[in-house]
Amino acid sequence: MAQPTRLDLVGPQIASISNWVDEANAGRDPEALTWHRVAKTAEEAGEAISEWLLLTGGNPRKPATLDDSKVVEELLDTALAALGAVEHFRGNEGRSLDLLADKVERVWIRAQESTGDTW
């Protein structure tokens, strides 16, 4: 039997993190919790935009940064928040990466069809 790779572990880890968030908020109204999970994704995207503005000097009150690592970290936080929200919607079953792979495949096929290319 082959050893699991890091990617084999990521789906269950995302589900575990999502379950942890859900359990920490178990006393909240279920609709409020779901709203929070979706809104958290938007919050993280906003933080990525803020870091991009700093990187590019788009905020004249603050000095431009020279390193894009904070933008990348916030983009990863956005992705993790989104995948966690997917897990929440699907009962924390550890399927978010499978669902993401299905989505990537559908978009990839549409992209190929729109250009007439096969890459």
PDB file of N, CA and C in Angstrom:
ATOM      1  N   MET A   1       0.839  -1.182   0.000  1.00  0.00           N
ATOM      2  CA  MET A   1       0.000   0.000   0.000  1.00  0.00           C
ATOM      3  C   MET A   1       0.887   1.249   0.000  1.00  0.00           C
ATOM      4  N   ALA A   2       0.580   2.180  -0.867  1.00  0.00           N
ATOM      5  CA  ALA A   2       1.389   3.382  -1.013  1.00  0.00           C
ATOM      6  C   ALA A   2       1.167   4.331   0.163  1.00  0.00           C
ATOM      7  N   GLN A   3       2.231   5.022   0.508  1.00  0.00           N
ATOM      8  CA  GLN A   3       2.141   6.045   1.546  1.00  0.00           C
ATOM      9  C   GLN A   3       1.297   7.202   1.038  1.00  0.00           C
ATOM     10  N   PRO A   4       0.461   7.769   1.888  1.00  0.00           N
ATOM     11  CA  PRO A   4      -0.314   8.938   1.447  1.00  0.00           C
ATOM     12  C   PRO A   4       0.622  10.124   1.197  1.00  0.00           C
ATOM     13  N   THR A   5       0.284  10.894   0.187  1.00  0.00           N
ATOM     14  CA  THR A   5       1.046  12.107  -0.101  1.00  0.00           C
ATOM     15  C   THR A   5       0.458  13.259   0.714  1.00  0.00           C
ATOM     16  N   ARG A   6       1.137  14.375   0.708  1.00  0.00           N
ATOM     17  CA  ARG A   6       0.616  15.561   1.401  1.00  0.00           C
ATOM     18  C   ARG A   6      -0.762  15.919   0.870  1.00  0.00           C
ATOM     19  N   LEU A   7      -0.950  15.806  -0.450  1.00  0.00           N
ATOM     20  CA  LEU A   7      -2.239  16.154  -1.022  1.00  0.00           C
ATOM     21  C   LEU A   7      -3.344  15.199  -0.585  1.00  0.00           C
ATOM     22  N   ASP A   8      -2.990  13.932  -0.331  1.00  0.00           N
ATOM     23  CA  ASP A   8      -3.981  12.979   0.172  1.00  0.00           C
ATOM     24  C   ASP A   8      -4.499  13.404   1.544  1.00  0.00           C
ATOM     25  N   LEU A   9      -3.680  14.093   2.295  1.00  0.00           N
ATOM     26  CA  LEU A   9      -4.039  14.501   3.645  1.00  0.00           C
ATOM     27  C   LEU A   9      -4.787  15.832   3.686  1.00  0.00           C
ATOM     28  N   VAL A  10      -4.652  16.643   2.651  1.00  0.00           N
ATOM     29  CA  VAL A  10      -5.197  17.999   2.673  1.00  0.00           C
ATOM     30  C   VAL A  10      -6.716  18.014   2.772  1.00  0.00           C
ATOM     31  N   GLY A  11      -7.403  17.203   2.000  1.00  0.00           N
ATOM     32  CA  GLY A  11      -8.866  17.192   2.056  1.00  0.00           C
ATOM     33  C   GLY A  11      -9.383  16.912   3.453  1.00  0.00           C
ATOM     34  N   PRO A  12      -8.916  15.816   4.098  1.00  0.00           N
ATOM     35  CA  PRO A  12      -9.344  15.567   5.468  1.00  0.00           C
ATOM     36  C   PRO A  12      -8.928  16.678   6.441  1.00  0.00           C
ATOM     37  N   GLN A  13      -7.772  17.300   6.214  1.00  0.00           N
ATOM     38  CA  GLN A  13      -7.349  18.391   7.089  1.00  0.00           C
ATOM     39  C   GLN A  13      -8.277  19.593   6.949  1.00  0.00           C
ATOM     40  N   ILE A  14      -8.683  19.911   5.714  1.00  0.00           N
ATOM     41  CA  ILE A  14      -9.623  21.014   5.508  1.00  0.00           C
ATOM     42  C   ILE A  14     -10.941  20.700   6.212  1.00  0.00           C
ATOM     43  N   ALA A  15     -11.416  19.477   6.073  1.00  0.00           N
ATOM     44  CA  ALA A  15     -12.658  19.081   6.742  1.00  0.00           C
ATOM     45  C   ALA A  15     -12.516  19.184   8.250  1.00  0.00           C
ATOM     46  N   SER A  16     -11.367  18.793   8.783  1.00  0.00           N
ATOM     47  CA  SER A  16     -11.128  18.862  10.218  1.00  0.00           C
ATOM     48  C   SER A  16     -11.120  20.309  10.708  1.00  0.00           C
ATOM     49  N   ILE A  17     -10.462  21.191   9.973  1.00  0.00           N
ATOM     50  CA  ILE A  17     -10.456  22.613  10.328  1.00  0.00           C
ATOM     51  C   ILE A  17     -11.873  23.168  10.280  1.00  0.00           C
ATOM     52  N   SER A  18     -12.618  22.820   9.239  1.00  0.00           N
ATOM     53  CA  SER A  18     -13.990  23.292   9.101  1.00  0.00           C
ATOM     54  C   SER A  18     -14.857  22.795  10.252  1.00  0.00           C
ATOM     55  N   ASN A  19     -14.689  21.539  10.616  1.00  0.00           N
ATOM     56  CA  ASN A  19     -15.438  20.976  11.728  1.00  0.00           C
ATOM     57  C   ASN A  19     -15.089  21.697  13.031  1.00  0.00           C
ATOM     58  N   TRP A  20     -13.817  22.021  13.213  1.00  0.00           N
ATOM     59  CA  TRP A  20     -13.362  22.758  14.390  1.00  0.00           C
ATOM     60  C   TRP A  20     -14.060  24.117  14.470  1.00  0.00           C
ATOM     61  N   VAL A  21     -14.133  24.826  13.336  1.00  0.00           N
ATOM     62  CA  VAL A  21     -14.828  26.111  13.302  1.00  0.00           C
ATOM     63  C   VAL A  21     -16.306  25.921  13.635  1.00  0.00           C
ATOM     64  N   ASP A  22     -16.926  24.915  13.027  1.00  0.00           N
ATOM     65  CA  ASP A  22     -18.340  24.649  13.297  1.00  0.00           C
ATOM     66  C   ASP A  22     -18.577  24.333  14.768  1.00  0.00           C
ATOM     67  N   GLU A  23     -17.721  23.495  15.351  1.00  0.00           N
ATOM     68  CA  GLU A  23     -17.890  23.127  16.766  1.00  0.00           C
ATOM     69  C   GLU A  23     -17.687  24.330  17.679  1.00  0.00           C
ATOM     70  N   ALA A  24     -16.741  25.194  17.342  1.00  0.00           N
ATOM     71  CA  ALA A  24     -16.497  26.390  18.156  1.00  0.00           C
ATOM     72  C   ALA A  24     -17.678  27.356  18.111  1.00  0.00           C
ATOM     73  N   ASN A  25     -18.498  27.224  17.094  1.00  0.00           N
ATOM     74  CA  ASN A  25     -19.657  28.100  16.920  1.00  0.00           C
ATOM     75  C   ASN A  25     -20.975  27.342  17.064  1.00  0.00           C
ATOM     76  N   ALA A  26     -20.938  26.203  17.747  1.00  0.00           N
ATOM     77  CA  ALA A  26     -22.112  25.331  17.834  1.00  0.00           C
ATOM     78  C   ALA A  26     -23.317  26.020  18.467  1.00  0.00           C
ATOM     79  N   GLY A  27     -23.102  26.976  19.334  1.00  0.00           N
ATOM     80  CA  GLY A  27     -24.214  27.649  19.989  1.00  0.00           C
ATOM     81  C   GLY A  27     -24.872  28.733  19.162  1.00  0.00           C
ATOM     82  N   ARG A  28     -24.294  29.031  18.022  1.00  0.00           N
ATOM     83  CA  ARG A  28     -24.844  30.089  17.170  1.00  0.00           C
ATOM     84  C   ARG A  28     -26.001  29.568  16.339  1.00  0.00           C
ATOM     85  N   ASP A  29     -26.835  30.497  15.920  1.00  0.00           N
ATOM     86  CA  ASP A  29     -27.908  30.173  14.994  1.00  0.00           C
ATOM     87  C   ASP A  29     -27.290  29.563  13.734  1.00  0.00           C
ATOM     88  N   PRO A  30     -27.812  28.428  13.240  1.00  0.00           N
ATOM     89  CA  PRO A  30     -27.217  27.786  12.057  1.00  0.00           C
ATOM     90  C   PRO A  30     -27.123  28.708  10.844  1.00  0.00           C
ATOM     91  N   GLU A  31     -28.128  29.536  10.627  1.00  0.00           N
ATOM     92  CA  GLU A  31     -28.066  30.452   9.487  1.00  0.00           C
ATOM     93  C   GLU A  31     -26.963  31.494   9.681  1.00  0.00           C
ATOM     94  N   ALA A  32     -26.804  31.966  10.913  1.00  0.00           N
ATOM     95  CA  ALA A  32     -25.738  32.930  11.197  1.00  0.00           C
ATOM     96  C   ALA A  32     -24.365  32.295  10.981  1.00  0.00           C
ATOM     97  N   LEU A  33     -24.227  31.039  11.390  1.00  0.00           N
ATOM     98  CA  LEU A  33     -22.954  30.349  11.192  1.00  0.00           C
ATOM     99  C   LEU A  33     -22.647  30.195   9.704  1.00  0.00           C
ATOM    100  N   THR A  34     -23.641  29.800   8.941  1.00  0.00           N
ATOM    101  CA  THR A  34     -23.432  29.655   7.496  1.00  0.00           C
ATOM    102  C   THR A  34     -23.092  31.001   6.874  1.00  0.00           C
ATOM    103  N   TRP A  35     -23.797  32.046   7.271  1.00  0.00           N
ATOM    104  CA  TRP A  35     -23.487  33.387   6.784  1.00  0.00           C
ATOM    105  C   TRP A  35     -22.035  33.743   7.107  1.00  0.00           C
ATOM    106  N   HIS A  36     -21.610  33.439   8.328  1.00  0.00           N
ATOM    107  CA  HIS A  36     -20.238  33.729   8.737  1.00  0.00           C
ATOM    108  C   HIS A  36     -19.233  32.994   7.849  1.00  0.00           C
ATOM    109  N   ARG A  37     -19.507  31.731   7.525  1.00  0.00           N
ATOM    110  CA  ARG A  37     -18.561  30.942   6.733  1.00  0.00           C
ATOM    111  C   ARG A  37     -18.398  31.536   5.335  1.00  0.00           C
ATOM    112  N   VAL A  38     -19.496  31.987   4.734  1.00  0.00           N
ATOM    113  CA  VAL A  38     -19.427  32.589   3.396  1.00  0.00           C
ATOM    114  C   VAL A  38     -18.771  33.972   3.482  1.00  0.00           C
ATOM    115  N   ALA A  39     -19.156  34.757   4.473  1.00  0.00           N
ATOM    116  CA  ALA A  39     -18.606  36.113   4.613  1.00  0.00           C
ATOM    117  C   ALA A  39     -17.106  36.084   4.900  1.00  0.00           C
ATOM    118  N   LYS A  40     -16.637  35.069   5.611  1.00  0.00           N
ATOM    119  CA  LYS A  40     -15.203  34.954   5.912  1.00  0.00           C
ATOM    120  C   LYS A  40     -14.384  34.876   4.627  1.00  0.00           C
ATOM    121  N   THR A  41     -14.919  34.213   3.628  1.00  0.00           N
ATOM    122  CA  THR A  41     -14.229  34.140   2.340  1.00  0.00           C
ATOM    123  C   THR A  41     -14.069  35.533   1.740  1.00  0.00           C
ATOM    124  N   ALA A  42     -15.141  36.330   1.793  1.00  0.00           N
ATOM    125  CA  ALA A  42     -15.074  37.695   1.262  1.00  0.00           C
ATOM    126  C   ALA A  42     -14.114  38.551   2.081  1.00  0.00           C
ATOM    127  N   GLU A  43     -14.106  38.352   3.391  1.00  0.00           N
ATOM    128  CA  GLU A  43     -13.184  39.111   4.246  1.00  0.00           C
ATOM    129  C   GLU A  43     -11.731  38.819   3.856  1.00  0.00           C
ATOM    130  N   GLU A  44     -11.420  37.553   3.683  1.00  0.00           N
ATOM    131  CA  GLU A  44     -10.047  37.184   3.309  1.00  0.00           C
ATOM    132  C   GLU A  44      -9.684  37.737   1.934  1.00  0.00           C
ATOM    133  N   ALA A  45     -10.634  37.741   1.004  1.00  0.00           N
ATOM    134  CA  ALA A  45     -10.370  38.326  -0.317  1.00  0.00           C
ATOM    135  C   ALA A  45     -10.085  39.817  -0.178  1.00  0.00           C
ATOM    136  N   GLY A  46     -10.806  40.488   0.703  1.00  0.00           N
ATOM    137  CA  GLY A  46     -10.554  41.903   0.953  1.00  0.00           C
ATOM    138  C   GLY A  46      -9.161  42.136   1.506  1.00  0.00           C
ATOM    139  N   GLU A  47      -8.702  41.244   2.360  1.00  0.00           N
ATOM    140  CA  GLU A  47      -7.343  41.370   2.895  1.00  0.00           C
ATOM    141  C   GLU A  47      -6.301  41.171   1.793  1.00  0.00           C
ATOM    142  N   ALA A  48      -6.574  40.269   0.847  1.00  0.00           N
ATOM    143  CA  ALA A  48      -5.655  40.085  -0.286  1.00  0.00           C
ATOM    144  C   ALA A  48      -5.596  41.366  -1.121  1.00  0.00           C
ATOM    145  N   ILE A  49      -6.738  41.992  -1.327  1.00  0.00           N
ATOM    146  CA  ILE A  49      -6.778  43.252  -2.080  1.00  0.00           C
ATOM    147  C   ILE A  49      -6.001  44.330  -1.340  1.00  0.00           C
ATOM    148  N   SER A  50      -6.165  44.415  -0.027  1.00  0.00           N
ATOM    149  CA  SER A  50      -5.436  45.412   0.765  1.00  0.00           C
ATOM    150  C   SER A  50      -3.931  45.226   0.631  1.00  0.00           C
ATOM    151  N   GLU A  51      -3.493  43.973   0.706  1.00  0.00           N
ATOM    152  CA  GLU A  51      -2.050  43.700   0.554  1.00  0.00           C
ATOM    153  C   GLU A  51      -1.573  44.030  -0.857  1.00  0.00           C
ATOM    154  N   TRP A  52      -2.408  43.792  -1.862  1.00  0.00           N
ATOM    155  CA  TRP A  52      -2.052  44.145  -3.239  1.00  0.00           C
ATOM    156  C   TRP A  52      -1.898  45.653  -3.372  1.00  0.00           C
ATOM    157  N   LEU A  53      -2.818  46.409  -2.771  1.00  0.00           N
ATOM    158  CA  LEU A  53      -2.723  47.873  -2.812  1.00  0.00           C
ATOM    159  C   LEU A  53      -1.432  48.352  -2.155  1.00  0.00           C
ATOM    160  N   LEU A  54      -1.050  47.729  -1.057  1.00  0.00           N
ATOM    161  CA  LEU A  54       0.215  48.090  -0.416  1.00  0.00           C
ATOM    162  C   LEU A  54       1.393  47.751  -1.317  1.00  0.00           C
ATOM    163  N   LEU A  55       1.345  46.592  -1.932  1.00  0.00           N
ATOM    164  CA  LEU A  55       2.437  46.145  -2.799  1.00  0.00           C
ATOM    165  C   LEU A  55       2.627  47.088  -3.983  1.00  0.00           C
ATOM    166  N   THR A  56       1.528  47.556  -4.538  1.00  0.00           N
ATOM    167  CA  THR A  56       1.606  48.372  -5.751  1.00  0.00           C
ATOM    168  C   THR A  56       1.630  49.869  -5.475  1.00  0.00           C
ATOM    169  N   GLY A  57       1.616  50.252  -4.195  1.00  0.00           N
ATOM    170  CA  GLY A  57       1.641  51.672  -3.872  1.00  0.00           C
ATOM    171  C   GLY A  57       0.304  52.346  -4.097  1.00  0.00           C
ATOM    172  N   GLY A  58      -0.767  51.576  -4.132  1.00  0.00           N
ATOM    173  CA  GLY A  58      -2.093  52.113  -4.402  1.00  0.00           C
ATOM    174  C   GLY A  58      -2.689  52.898  -3.253  1.00  0.00           C
ATOM    175  N   ASN A  59      -2.081  52.816  -2.082  1.00  0.00           N
ATOM    176  CA  ASN A  59      -2.552  53.589  -0.942  1.00  0.00           C
ATOM    177  C   ASN A  59      -1.478  54.619  -0.618  1.00  0.00           C
ATOM    178  N   PRO A  60      -1.690  55.904  -1.005  1.00  0.00           N
ATOM    179  CA  PRO A  60      -0.644  56.907  -0.829  1.00  0.00           C
ATOM    180  C   PRO A  60      -0.330  57.205   0.640  1.00  0.00           C
ATOM    181  N   ARG A  61      -1.182  56.809   1.569  1.00  0.00           N
ATOM    182  CA  ARG A  61      -0.904  57.039   2.987  1.00  0.00           C
ATOM    183  C   ARG A  61       0.111  56.043   3.533  1.00  0.00           C
ATOM    184  N   LYS A  62       0.328  54.938   2.822  1.00  0.00           N
ATOM    185  CA  LYS A  62       1.209  53.888   3.331  1.00  0.00           C
ATOM    186  C   LYS A  62       2.298  53.598   2.313  1.00  0.00           C
ATOM    187  N   PRO A  63       3.485  53.264   2.789  1.00  0.00           N
ATOM    188  CA  PRO A  63       4.571  52.969   1.838  1.00  0.00           C
ATOM    189  C   PRO A  63       4.318  51.656   1.102  1.00  0.00           C
ATOM    190  N   ALA A  64       4.734  51.626  -0.141  1.00  0.00           N
ATOM    191  CA  ALA A  64       4.612  50.403  -0.932  1.00  0.00           C
ATOM    192  C   ALA A  64       5.551  49.342  -0.363  1.00  0.00           C
ATOM    193  N   THR A  65       5.107  48.111  -0.385  1.00  0.00           N
ATOM    194  CA  THR A  65       5.970  47.017   0.045  1.00  0.00           C
ATOM    195  C   THR A  65       6.673  46.456  -1.187  1.00  0.00           C
ATOM    196  N   LEU A  66       7.716  45.693  -0.950  1.00  0.00           N
ATOM    197  CA  LEU A  66       8.495  45.148  -2.061  1.00  0.00           C
ATOM    198  C   LEU A  66       8.349  43.633  -2.179  1.00  0.00           C
ATOM    199  N   ASP A  67       7.505  43.051  -1.358  1.00  0.00           N
ATOM    200  CA  ASP A  67       7.420  41.595  -1.278  1.00  0.00           C
ATOM    201  C   ASP A  67       5.967  41.157  -1.459  1.00  0.00           C
ATOM    202  N   ASP A  68       5.738  40.242  -2.393  1.00  0.00           N
ATOM    203  CA  ASP A  68       4.368  39.800  -2.648  1.00  0.00           C
ATOM    204  C   ASP A  68       3.929  38.639  -1.752  1.00  0.00           C
ATOM    205  N   SER A  69       4.755  38.237  -0.796  1.00  0.00           N
ATOM    206  CA  SER A  69       4.418  37.080   0.036  1.00  0.00           C
ATOM    207  C   SER A  69       3.148  37.299   0.856  1.00  0.00           C
ATOM    208  N   LYS A  70       2.883  38.522   1.287  1.00  0.00           N
ATOM    209  CA  LYS A  70       1.657  38.776   2.055  1.00  0.00           C
ATOM    210  C   LYS A  70       0.426  38.654   1.162  1.00  0.00           C
ATOM    211  N   VAL A  71       0.539  39.068  -0.095  1.00  0.00           N
ATOM    212  CA  VAL A  71      -0.572  38.898  -1.040  1.00  0.00           C
ATOM    213  C   VAL A  71      -0.849  37.413  -1.219  1.00  0.00           C
ATOM    214  N   VAL A  72       0.194  36.646  -1.430  1.00  0.00           N
ATOM    215  CA  VAL A  72       0.039  35.205  -1.622  1.00  0.00           C
ATOM    216  C   VAL A  72      -0.578  34.566  -0.384  1.00  0.00           C
ATOM    217  N   GLU A  73      -0.115  34.931   0.803  1.00  0.00           N
ATOM    218  CA  GLU A  73      -0.681  34.374   2.040  1.00  0.00           C
ATOM    219  C   GLU A  73      -2.170  34.679   2.154  1.00  0.00           C
ATOM    220  N   GLU A  74      -2.570  35.906   1.819  1.00  0.00           N
ATOM    221  CA  GLU A  74      -3.987  36.271   1.904  1.00  0.00           C
ATOM    222  C   GLU A  74      -4.817  35.542   0.835  1.00  0.00           C
ATOM    223  N   LEU A  75      -4.234  35.325  -0.330  1.00  0.00           N
ATOM    224  CA  LEU A  75      -4.938  34.545  -1.354  1.00  0.00           C
ATOM    225  C   LEU A  75      -5.131  33.103  -0.887  1.00  0.00           C
ATOM    226  N   LEU A  76      -4.118  32.551  -0.232  1.00  0.00           N
ATOM    227  CA  LEU A  76      -4.251  31.197   0.308  1.00  0.00           C
ATOM    228  C   LEU A  76      -5.281  31.154   1.434  1.00  0.00           C
ATOM    229  N   ASP A  77      -5.307  32.202   2.278  1.00  0.00           N
ATOM    230  CA  ASP A  77      -6.342  32.277   3.315  1.00  0.00           C
ATOM    231  C   ASP A  77      -7.731  32.317   2.681  1.00  0.00           C
ATOM    232  N   THR A  78      -7.851  33.039   1.568  1.00  0.00           N
ATOM    233  CA  THR A  78      -9.132  33.124   0.855  1.00  0.00           C
ATOM    234  C   THR A  78      -9.540  31.745   0.344  1.00  0.00           C
ATOM    235  N   ALA A  79      -8.596  31.040  -0.261  1.00  0.00           N
ATOM    236  CA  ALA A  79      -8.884  29.702  -0.776  1.00  0.00           C
ATOM    237  C   ALA A  79      -9.285  28.756   0.349  1.00  0.00           C
ATOM    238  N   LEU A  80      -8.562  28.817   1.469  1.00  0.00           N
ATOM    239  CA  LEU A  80      -8.875  27.939   2.589  1.00  0.00           C
ATOM    240  C   LEU A  80     -10.240  28.275   3.186  1.00  0.00           C
ATOM    241  N   ALA A  81     -10.556  29.562   3.295  1.00  0.00           N
ATOM    242  CA  ALA A  81     -11.876  29.949   3.810  1.00  0.00           C
ATOM    243  C   ALA A  81     -12.978  29.442   2.877  1.00  0.00           C
ATOM    244  N   ALA A  82     -12.757  29.550   1.577  1.00  0.00           N
ATOM    245  CA  ALA A  82     -13.759  29.082   0.611  1.00  0.00           C
ATOM    246  C   ALA A  82     -13.924  27.567   0.688  1.00  0.00           C
ATOM    247  N   LEU A  83     -12.813  26.844   0.739  1.00  0.00           N
ATOM    248  CA  LEU A  83     -12.900  25.388   0.834  1.00  0.00           C
ATOM    249  C   LEU A  83     -13.516  24.959   2.164  1.00  0.00           C
ATOM    250  N   GLY A  84     -13.235  25.692   3.229  1.00  0.00           N
ATOM    251  CA  GLY A  84     -13.864  25.411   4.512  1.00  0.00           C
ATOM    252  C   GLY A  84     -15.368  25.630   4.456  1.00  0.00           C
ATOM    253  N   ALA A  85     -15.793  26.683   3.761  1.00  0.00           N
ATOM    254  CA  ALA A  85     -17.227  26.929   3.601  1.00  0.00           C
ATOM    255  C   ALA A  85     -17.874  25.807   2.795  1.00  0.00           C
ATOM    256  N   VAL A  86     -17.178  25.332   1.768  1.00  0.00           N
ATOM    257  CA  VAL A  86     -17.690  24.194   0.992  1.00  0.00           C
ATOM    258  C   VAL A  86     -17.855  22.980   1.912  1.00  0.00           C
ATOM    259  N   GLU A  87     -16.850  22.716   2.743  1.00  0.00           N
ATOM    260  CA  GLU A  87     -16.942  21.602   3.691  1.00  0.00           C
ATOM    261  C   GLU A  87     -18.150  21.780   4.616  1.00  0.00           C
ATOM    262  N   HIS A  88     -18.352  22.993   5.114  1.00  0.00           N
ATOM    263  CA  HIS A  88     -19.490  23.278   5.988  1.00  0.00           C
ATOM    264  C   HIS A  88     -20.795  22.909   5.285  1.00  0.00           C
ATOM    265  N   PHE A  89     -20.919  23.345   4.026  1.00  0.00           N
ATOM    266  CA  PHE A  89     -22.141  23.048   3.263  1.00  0.00           C
ATOM    267  C   PHE A  89     -22.317  21.553   3.007  1.00  0.00           C
ATOM    268  N   ARG A  90     -21.223  20.815   2.957  1.00  0.00           N
ATOM    269  CA  ARG A  90     -21.280  19.389   2.633  1.00  0.00           C
ATOM    270  C   ARG A  90     -21.043  18.486   3.842  1.00  0.00           C
ATOM    271  N   GLY A  91     -21.230  19.043   5.036  1.00  0.00           N
ATOM    272  CA  GLY A  91     -21.162  18.221   6.235  1.00  0.00           C
ATOM    273  C   GLY A  91     -19.768  17.806   6.664  1.00  0.00           C
ATOM    274  N   ASN A  92     -18.755  18.555   6.266  1.00  0.00           N
ATOM    275  CA  ASN A  92     -17.363  18.279   6.655  1.00  0.00           C
ATOM    276  C   ASN A  92     -16.953  16.842   6.347  1.00  0.00           C
ATOM    277  N   GLU A  93     -17.297  16.400   5.144  1.00  0.00           N
ATOM    278  CA  GLU A  93     -16.999  15.028   4.716  1.00  0.00           C
ATOM    279  C   GLU A  93     -15.613  14.876   4.085  1.00  0.00           C
ATOM    280  N   GLY A  94     -14.883  15.980   3.915  1.00  0.00           N
ATOM    281  CA  GLY A  94     -13.553  15.894   3.321  1.00  0.00           C
ATOM    282  C   GLY A  94     -13.557  15.821   1.806  1.00  0.00           C
ATOM    283  N   ARG A  95     -14.606  16.364   1.167  1.00  0.00           N
ATOM    284  CA  ARG A  95     -14.737  16.268  -0.290  1.00  0.00           C
ATOM    285  C   ARG A  95     -14.436  17.568  -1.018  1.00  0.00           C
ATOM    286  N   SER A  96     -14.030  18.613  -0.295  1.00  0.00           N
ATOM    287  CA  SER A  96     -13.873  19.917  -0.943  1.00  0.00           C
ATOM    288  C   SER A  96     -12.854  19.891  -2.075  1.00  0.00           C
ATOM    289  N   LEU A  97     -11.772  19.166  -1.914  1.00  0.00           N
ATOM    290  CA  LEU A  97     -10.772  19.124  -2.992  1.00  0.00           C
ATOM    291  C   LEU A  97     -11.271  18.323  -4.184  1.00  0.00           C
ATOM    292  N   ASP A  98     -12.058  17.283  -3.941  1.00  0.00           N
ATOM    293  CA  ASP A  98     -12.664  16.543  -5.049  1.00  0.00           C
ATOM    294  C   ASP A  98     -13.627  17.444  -5.816  1.00  0.00           C
ATOM    295  N   LEU A  99     -14.415  18.207  -5.071  1.00  0.00           N
ATOM    296  CA  LEU A  99     -15.345  19.143  -5.718  1.00  0.00           C
ATOM    297  C   LEU A  99     -14.583  20.224  -6.477  1.00  0.00           C
ATOM    298  N   LEU A 100     -13.471  20.687  -5.897  1.00  0.00           N
ATOM    299  CA  LEU A 100     -12.636  21.674  -6.584  1.00  0.00           C
ATOM    300  C   LEU A 100     -12.044  21.077  -7.860  1.00  0.00           C
ATOM    301  N   ALA A 101     -11.574  19.850  -7.797  1.00  0.00           N
ATOM    302  CA  ALA A 101     -11.015  19.190  -8.985  1.00  0.00           C
ATOM    303  C   ALA A 101     -12.066  19.075 -10.082  1.00  0.00           C
ATOM    304  N   ASP A 102     -13.308  18.739  -9.698  1.00  0.00           N
ATOM    305  CA  ASP A 102     -14.393  18.675 -10.683  1.00  0.00           C
ATOM    306  C   ASP A 102     -14.625  20.036 -11.323  1.00  0.00           C
ATOM    307  N   LYS A 103     -14.605  21.081 -10.513  1.00  0.00           N
ATOM    308  CA  LYS A 103     -14.818  22.445 -11.010  1.00  0.00           C
ATOM    309  C   LYS A 103     -13.683  22.861 -11.942  1.00  0.00           C
ATOM    310  N   VAL A 104     -12.452  22.578 -11.539  1.00  0.00           N
ATOM    311  CA  VAL A 104     -11.299  22.915 -12.385  1.00  0.00           C
ATOM    312  C   VAL A 104     -11.419  22.221 -13.730  1.00  0.00           C
ATOM    313  N   GLU A 105     -11.799  20.958 -13.727  1.00  0.00           N
ATOM    314  CA  GLU A 105     -11.942  20.217 -14.985  1.00  0.00           C
ATOM    315  C   GLU A 105     -13.008  20.851 -15.880  1.00  0.00           C
ATOM    316  N   ARG A 106     -14.159  21.226 -15.287  1.00  0.00           N
ATOM    317  CA  ARG A 106     -15.225  21.846 -16.090  1.00  0.00           C
ATOM    318  C   ARG A 106     -14.768  23.172 -16.684  1.00  0.00           C
ATOM    319  N   VAL A 107     -14.074  23.982 -15.910  1.00  0.00           N
ATOM    320  CA  VAL A 107     -13.588  25.275 -16.421  1.00  0.00           C
ATOM    321  C   VAL A 107     -12.506  25.054 -17.474  1.00  0.00           C
ATOM    322  N   TRP A 108     -11.623  24.086 -17.245  1.00  0.00           N
ATOM    323  CA  TRP A 108     -10.555  23.781 -18.198  1.00  0.00           C
ATOM    324  C   TRP A 108     -11.143  23.358 -19.543  1.00  0.00           C
ATOM    325  N   ILE A 109     -12.175  22.511 -19.505  1.00  0.00           N
ATOM    326  CA  ILE A 109     -12.832  22.069 -20.746  1.00  0.00           C
ATOM    327  C   ILE A 109     -13.462  23.265 -21.456  1.00  0.00           C
ATOM    328  N   ARG A 110     -14.169  24.118 -20.706  1.00  0.00           N
ATOM    329  CA  ARG A 110     -14.782  25.309 -21.315  1.00  0.00           C
ATOM    330  C   ARG A 110     -13.725  26.226 -21.924  1.00  0.00           C
ATOM    331  N   ALA A 111     -12.595  26.375 -21.240  1.00  0.00           N
ATOM    332  CA  ALA A 111     -11.524  27.227 -21.758  1.00  0.00           C
ATOM    333  C   ALA A 111     -10.980  26.666 -23.063  1.00  0.00           C
ATOM    334  N   GLN A 112     -10.790  25.375 -23.115  1.00  0.00           N
ATOM    335  CA  GLN A 112     -10.312  24.740 -24.348  1.00  0.00           C
ATOM    336  C   GLN A 112     -11.325  24.911 -25.474  1.00  0.00           C
ATOM    337  N   GLU A 113     -12.591  24.706 -25.161  1.00  0.00           N
ATOM    338  CA  GLU A 113     -13.638  24.827 -26.167  1.00  0.00           C
ATOM    339  C   GLU A 113     -13.735  26.258 -26.695  1.00  0.00           C
ATOM    340  N   SER A 114     -13.529  27.237 -25.810  1.00  0.00           N
ATOM    341  CA  SER A 114     -13.667  28.622 -26.236  1.00  0.00           C
ATOM    342  C   SER A 114     -12.531  29.072 -27.147  1.00  0.00           C
ATOM    343  N   THR A 115     -11.372  28.434 -27.021  1.00  0.00           N
ATOM    344  CA  THR A 115     -10.225  28.825 -27.850  1.00  0.00           C
ATOM    345  C   THR A 115      -9.999  27.876 -29.003  1.00  0.00           C
ATOM    346  N   GLY A 116     -10.642  26.701 -28.942  1.00  0.00           N
ATOM    347  CA  GLY A 116     -10.411  25.696 -29.970  1.00  0.00           C
ATOM    348  C   GLY A 116      -9.083  24.987 -29.799  1.00  0.00           C
ATOM    349  N   ASP A 117      -8.414  25.266 -28.682  1.00  0.00           N
ATOM    350  CA  ASP A 117      -7.116  24.643 -28.418  1.00  0.00           C
ATOM    351  C   ASP A 117      -7.273  23.426 -27.524  1.00  0.00           C
ATOM    352  N   THR A 118      -6.271  22.587 -27.571  1.00  0.00           N
ATOM    353  CA  THR A 118      -6.136  21.536 -26.564  1.00  0.00           C
ATOM    354  C   THR A 118      -4.742  21.706 -25.982  1.00  0.00           C
ATOM    355  N   TRP A 119      -4.681  22.096 -24.731  1.00  0.00           N
ATOM    356  CA  TRP A 119      -3.387  22.339 -24.119  1.00  0.00           C
ATOM    357  C   TRP A 119      -3.025  21.243 -23.210  1.00  0.00           C
TER     358      TRP A 119
END
